[in-house]
Amino acid sequence: MTTSTLTVDGEVPSPLVLTHEALAGFDESDQVRDVSRFHPTRSGDGVTLESILARVGPTERASYLTLHATEDDFAASVPLDPIRSEGILVYSVEGQPMTLAQGGPFRFLIKDPAACHTDELDDCANVKFVDRIELTSGRGRDTRPTDDDEHEELHRRQEEAGEEQAN
């Protein structure tokens, strides 16, 4: 079995590659146990976005965070400052690495999007299949749907991919 990795790069002096084991080894103060407290339909454990940012030290130019999901060629680019304290990277369900069927290898959640006070956040800023976090000096690649039909099509494709993975 291949170990899944998360690459954190872009406007950082020290790019980083993280695994499930590395994230599980973050200090307890960086851990978010039971994300269902914030998202009742989600489960698992994660780490705070702040704890990841502390390890890579974003440059002053970093103003956006782009979440990449190679599995479904999805990307969401959101303003960095409003989500610094609200972002969680989920890496584990019941102590095990997340499977694709669970939205793994990693899933990004925003605890309280309303607390971020920006119109650039929507449900699609909660990204599954995350394998790269890129810090950029402006808005990065963003494939989020722009209308209801696109949104419905995206979720249909993701549901089909999850069903294929489960079989």
C-alpha atoms as a PDB file:
ATOM      1  CA  MET A   1       0.000   0.000   0.000  1.00  0.00           C
ATOM      2  CA  THR A   2       1.319   3.423  -0.959  1.00  0.00           C
ATOM      3  CA  THR A   3       1.513   6.020   1.782  1.00  0.00           C
ATOM      4  CA  SER A   4      -0.512   9.099   0.869  1.00  0.00           C
ATOM      5  CA  THR A   5       1.197  12.441   1.200  1.00  0.00           C
ATOM      6  CA  LEU A   6       0.161  16.054   1.486  1.00  0.00           C
ATOM      7  CA  THR A   7       2.444  18.618  -0.125  1.00  0.00           C
ATOM      8  CA  VAL A   8       2.423  22.150   1.293  1.00  0.00           C
ATOM      9  CA  ASP A   9       4.233  24.572  -1.006  1.00  0.00           C
ATOM     10  CA  GLY A  10       4.047  27.835  -2.931  1.00  0.00           C
ATOM     11  CA  GLU A  11       4.801  31.078  -1.108  1.00  0.00           C
ATOM     12  CA  VAL A  12       6.722  29.332   1.667  1.00  0.00           C
ATOM     13  CA  PRO A  13      10.462  29.230   2.351  1.00  0.00           C
ATOM     14  CA  SER A  14      10.254  25.624   3.543  1.00  0.00           C
ATOM     15  CA  PRO A  15       7.899  23.395   1.507  1.00  0.00           C
ATOM     16  CA  LEU A  16       6.745  20.341   3.391  1.00  0.00           C
ATOM     17  CA  VAL A  17       5.483  16.842   2.619  1.00  0.00           C
ATOM     18  CA  LEU A  18       3.298  15.324   5.338  1.00  0.00           C
ATOM     19  CA  THR A  19       1.923  11.819   5.899  1.00  0.00           C
ATOM     20  CA  HIS A  20      -0.834  10.494   8.141  1.00  0.00           C
ATOM     21  CA  GLU A  21       1.825   9.492  10.658  1.00  0.00           C
ATOM     22  CA  ALA A  22       3.435  12.940  10.619  1.00  0.00           C
ATOM     23  CA  LEU A  23       0.080  14.640  11.187  1.00  0.00           C
ATOM     24  CA  ALA A  24      -0.781  12.197  13.984  1.00  0.00           C
ATOM     25  CA  GLY A  25       2.514  13.220  15.595  1.00  0.00           C
ATOM     26  CA  PHE A  26       1.618  16.922  15.809  1.00  0.00           C
ATOM     27  CA  ASP A  27       1.328  18.261  19.364  1.00  0.00           C
ATOM     28  CA  GLU A  28      -1.952  17.560  21.110  1.00  0.00           C
ATOM     29  CA  SER A  29      -2.642  21.317  21.148  1.00  0.00           C
ATOM     30  CA  ASP A  30      -2.607  21.219  17.315  1.00  0.00           C
ATOM     31  CA  GLN A  31      -5.010  18.281  17.106  1.00  0.00           C
ATOM     32  CA  VAL A  32      -8.744  18.597  16.511  1.00  0.00           C
ATOM     33  CA  ARG A  33     -10.375  15.499  17.944  1.00  0.00           C
ATOM     34  CA  ASP A  34     -13.779  14.545  16.548  1.00  0.00           C
ATOM     35  CA  VAL A  35     -14.546  17.019  13.777  1.00  0.00           C
ATOM     36  CA  SER A  36     -18.241  16.100  14.065  1.00  0.00           C
ATOM     37  CA  ARG A  37     -18.378  18.818  16.740  1.00  0.00           C
ATOM     38  CA  PHE A  38     -18.142  21.324  13.869  1.00  0.00           C
ATOM     39  CA  HIS A  39     -19.579  19.267  10.998  1.00  0.00           C
ATOM     40  CA  PRO A  40     -22.188  16.772  12.217  1.00  0.00           C
ATOM     41  CA  THR A  41     -22.019  14.788   8.956  1.00  0.00           C
ATOM     42  CA  ARG A  42     -18.229  14.363   9.106  1.00  0.00           C
ATOM     43  CA  SER A  43     -16.091  12.230  11.362  1.00  0.00           C
ATOM     44  CA  GLY A  44     -12.445  11.889  12.158  1.00  0.00           C
ATOM     45  CA  ASP A  45      -9.515  13.730  13.631  1.00  0.00           C
ATOM     46  CA  GLY A  46      -7.497  16.551  12.146  1.00  0.00           C
ATOM     47  CA  VAL A  47      -4.961  19.252  12.785  1.00  0.00           C
ATOM     48  CA  THR A  48      -5.443  22.988  12.681  1.00  0.00           C
ATOM     49  CA  LEU A  49      -4.486  24.921   9.581  1.00  0.00           C
ATOM     50  CA  GLU A  50      -2.499  27.221  11.884  1.00  0.00           C
ATOM     51  CA  SER A  51      -0.288  24.305  12.957  1.00  0.00           C
ATOM     52  CA  ILE A  52       0.544  23.489   9.333  1.00  0.00           C
ATOM     53  CA  LEU A  53       1.227  27.139   8.508  1.00  0.00           C
ATOM     54  CA  ALA A  54       3.539  27.399  11.533  1.00  0.00           C
ATOM     55  CA  ARG A  55       5.683  24.617  10.055  1.00  0.00           C
ATOM     56  CA  VAL A  56       6.029  26.146   6.578  1.00  0.00           C
ATOM     57  CA  GLY A  57       6.187  29.838   7.494  1.00  0.00           C
ATOM     58  CA  PRO A  58       4.235  31.506   4.655  1.00  0.00           C
ATOM     59  CA  THR A  59       5.912  34.548   3.123  1.00  0.00           C
ATOM     60  CA  GLU A  60       4.345  37.990   3.480  1.00  0.00           C
ATOM     61  CA  ARG A  61       3.168  37.643  -0.139  1.00  0.00           C
ATOM     62  CA  ALA A  62       0.984  34.620   0.692  1.00  0.00           C
ATOM     63  CA  SER A  63      -2.598  35.876   0.596  1.00  0.00           C
ATOM     64  CA  TYR A  64      -4.506  32.834  -0.718  1.00  0.00           C
ATOM     65  CA  LEU A  65      -4.608  29.159   0.125  1.00  0.00           C
ATOM     66  CA  THR A  66      -5.332  26.831  -2.788  1.00  0.00           C
ATOM     67  CA  LEU A  67      -6.512  23.318  -1.991  1.00  0.00           C
ATOM     68  CA  HIS A  68      -5.739  20.793  -4.726  1.00  0.00           C
ATOM     69  CA  ALA A  69      -7.442  17.413  -5.114  1.00  0.00           C
ATOM     70  CA  THR A  70      -5.762  15.412  -7.868  1.00  0.00           C
ATOM     71  CA  GLU A  71      -8.280  12.561  -7.543  1.00  0.00           C
ATOM     72  CA  ASP A  72     -11.071  14.610  -9.128  1.00  0.00           C
ATOM     73  CA  ASP A  73      -9.012  17.491 -10.589  1.00  0.00           C
ATOM     74  CA  PHE A  74     -10.649  19.919  -8.169  1.00  0.00           C
ATOM     75  CA  ALA A  75      -9.167  23.079  -6.712  1.00  0.00           C
ATOM     76  CA  ALA A  76     -10.499  25.797  -4.423  1.00  0.00           C
ATOM     77  CA  SER A  77      -8.604  29.008  -3.765  1.00  0.00           C
ATOM     78  CA  VAL A  78      -9.679  30.976  -0.702  1.00  0.00           C
ATOM     79  CA  PRO A  79      -8.325  34.046   1.100  1.00  0.00           C
ATOM     80  CA  LEU A  80      -5.777  32.946   3.682  1.00  0.00           C
ATOM     81  CA  ASP A  81      -6.324  35.403   6.522  1.00  0.00           C
ATOM     82  CA  PRO A  82     -10.048  34.704   7.106  1.00  0.00           C
ATOM     83  CA  ILE A  83      -9.539  30.925   7.347  1.00  0.00           C
ATOM     84  CA  ARG A  84      -6.270  30.752   9.312  1.00  0.00           C
ATOM     85  CA  SER A  85      -8.011  30.048  12.595  1.00  0.00           C
ATOM     86  CA  GLU A  86     -11.007  28.183  11.123  1.00  0.00           C
ATOM     87  CA  GLY A  87      -9.310  25.609   8.865  1.00  0.00           C
ATOM     88  CA  ILE A  88      -8.907  21.940   9.820  1.00  0.00           C
ATOM     89  CA  LEU A  89      -7.128  19.243   7.843  1.00  0.00           C
ATOM     90  CA  VAL A  90      -8.781  15.892   8.593  1.00  0.00           C
ATOM     91  CA  TYR A  91      -6.301  13.034   8.259  1.00  0.00           C
ATOM     92  CA  SER A  92      -7.776  10.129  10.231  1.00  0.00           C
ATOM     93  CA  VAL A  93     -11.038   8.255  10.789  1.00  0.00           C
ATOM     94  CA  GLU A  94     -11.115   5.895  13.765  1.00  0.00           C
ATOM     95  CA  GLY A  95      -7.331   6.119  14.055  1.00  0.00           C
ATOM     96  CA  GLN A  96      -6.690   5.004  10.476  1.00  0.00           C
ATOM     97  CA  PRO A  97      -5.665   6.979   7.378  1.00  0.00           C
ATOM     98  CA  MET A  98      -8.683   8.196   5.438  1.00  0.00           C
ATOM     99  CA  THR A  99      -9.737   6.179   2.403  1.00  0.00           C
ATOM    100  CA  LEU A 100     -10.930   7.712  -0.857  1.00  0.00           C
ATOM    101  CA  ALA A 101     -14.460   6.612   0.028  1.00  0.00           C
ATOM    102  CA  GLN A 102     -14.130   8.778   3.176  1.00  0.00           C
ATOM    103  CA  GLY A 103     -12.839  11.748   1.169  1.00  0.00           C
ATOM    104  CA  GLY A 104      -9.161  11.010   1.807  1.00  0.00           C
ATOM    105  CA  PRO A 105      -6.292  10.983   1.718  1.00  0.00           C
ATOM    106  CA  PHE A 106      -7.002  14.286   3.467  1.00  0.00           C
ATOM    107  CA  ARG A 107     -10.070  16.490   3.771  1.00  0.00           C
ATOM    108  CA  PHE A 108     -10.099  20.229   4.450  1.00  0.00           C
ATOM    109  CA  LEU A 109     -12.935  21.627   6.550  1.00  0.00           C
ATOM    110  CA  ILE A 110     -13.756  25.123   7.690  1.00  0.00           C
ATOM    111  CA  LYS A 111     -15.107  25.044  11.254  1.00  0.00           C
ATOM    112  CA  ASP A 112     -17.392  28.040  10.897  1.00  0.00           C
ATOM    113  CA  PRO A 113     -17.453  29.657   7.441  1.00  0.00           C
ATOM    114  CA  ALA A 114     -19.658  32.492   8.748  1.00  0.00           C
ATOM    115  CA  ALA A 115     -16.903  33.481  11.190  1.00  0.00           C
ATOM    116  CA  CYS A 116     -14.595  34.101   8.233  1.00  0.00           C
ATOM    117  CA  HIS A 117     -16.675  37.072   7.004  1.00  0.00           C
ATOM    118  CA  THR A 118     -15.958  36.582   3.295  1.00  0.00           C
ATOM    119  CA  ASP A 119     -18.179  35.790   0.314  1.00  0.00           C
ATOM    120  CA  GLU A 120     -15.426  33.649  -1.225  1.00  0.00           C
ATOM    121  CA  LEU A 121     -16.269  30.699   1.035  1.00  0.00           C
ATOM    122  CA  ASP A 122     -18.994  28.202   0.287  1.00  0.00           C
ATOM    123  CA  ASP A 123     -19.564  24.502   0.931  1.00  0.00           C
ATOM    124  CA  CYS A 124     -17.151  23.723  -1.911  1.00  0.00           C
ATOM    125  CA  ALA A 125     -14.334  25.311   0.117  1.00  0.00           C
ATOM    126  CA  ASN A 126     -14.629  22.178   2.273  1.00  0.00           C
ATOM    127  CA  VAL A 127     -12.510  20.004  -0.005  1.00  0.00           C
ATOM    128  CA  LYS A 128     -12.126  16.217  -0.046  1.00  0.00           C
ATOM    129  CA  PHE A 129      -9.313  14.219  -1.693  1.00  0.00           C
ATOM    130  CA  VAL A 130      -6.802  16.977  -0.768  1.00  0.00           C
ATOM    131  CA  ASP A 131      -3.201  16.117  -1.639  1.00  0.00           C
ATOM    132  CA  ARG A 132      -1.687  19.593  -1.959  1.00  0.00           C
ATOM    133  CA  ILE A 133      -2.016  22.923  -0.191  1.00  0.00           C
ATOM    134  CA  GLU A 134      -0.484  25.765  -2.163  1.00  0.00           C
ATOM    135  CA  LEU A 135       0.008  29.234  -0.726  1.00  0.00           C
ATOM    136  CA  THR A 136      -0.165  31.908  -3.418  1.00  0.00           C
ATOM    137  CA  SER A 137       0.264  35.679  -3.716  1.00  0.00           C
ATOM    138  CA  GLY A 138      -3.172  36.012  -5.324  1.00  0.00           C
ATOM    139  CA  ARG A 139      -6.077  33.803  -6.153  1.00  0.00           C
ATOM    140  CA  GLY A 140      -4.870  30.448  -7.447  1.00  0.00           C
ATOM    141  CA  ARG A 141      -6.552  27.747  -9.501  1.00  0.00           C
ATOM    142  CA  ASP A 142     -10.219  27.456  -8.585  1.00  0.00           C
ATOM    143  CA  THR A 143     -12.548  24.961 -10.243  1.00  0.00           C
ATOM    144  CA  ARG A 144     -15.482  25.401  -7.888  1.00  0.00           C
ATOM    145  CA  PRO A 145     -18.874  25.474  -9.600  1.00  0.00           C
ATOM    146  CA  THR A 146     -20.221  28.874 -10.557  1.00  0.00           C
ATOM    147  CA  ASP A 147     -23.897  27.910 -10.826  1.00  0.00           C
ATOM    148  CA  ASP A 148     -26.356  25.330  -9.485  1.00  0.00           C
ATOM    149  CA  ASP A 149     -26.085  23.025 -12.522  1.00  0.00           C
ATOM    150  CA  GLU A 150     -22.278  22.890 -12.265  1.00  0.00           C
ATOM    151  CA  HIS A 151     -22.560  22.276  -8.531  1.00  0.00           C
ATOM    152  CA  GLU A 152     -24.978  19.385  -9.043  1.00  0.00           C
ATOM    153  CA  GLU A 153     -22.736  17.858 -11.735  1.00  0.00           C
ATOM    154  CA  LEU A 154     -19.656  18.094  -9.492  1.00  0.00           C
ATOM    155  CA  HIS A 155     -21.373  16.264  -6.645  1.00  0.00           C
ATOM    156  CA  ARG A 156     -22.760  13.614  -9.024  1.00  0.00           C
ATOM    157  CA  ARG A 157     -19.226  12.901 -10.323  1.00  0.00           C
ATOM    158  CA  GLN A 158     -17.813  12.792  -6.800  1.00  0.00           C
ATOM    159  CA  GLU A 159     -20.551  10.406  -5.681  1.00  0.00           C
ATOM    160  CA  GLU A 160     -19.838   8.115  -8.651  1.00  0.00           C
ATOM    161  CA  ALA A 161     -16.113   8.170  -7.867  1.00  0.00           C
ATOM    162  CA  GLY A 162     -16.844   7.259  -4.248  1.00  0.00           C
ATOM    163  CA  GLU A 163     -19.085   4.370  -5.317  1.00  0.00           C
ATOM    164  CA  GLU A 164     -16.400   3.035  -7.677  1.00  0.00           C
ATOM    165  CA  GLN A 165     -13.823   3.218  -4.885  1.00  0.00           C
ATOM    166  CA  ALA A 166     -16.103   1.335  -2.490  1.00  0.00           C
ATOM    167  CA  ASN A 167     -16.551  -1.544  -4.977  1.00  0.00           C
END
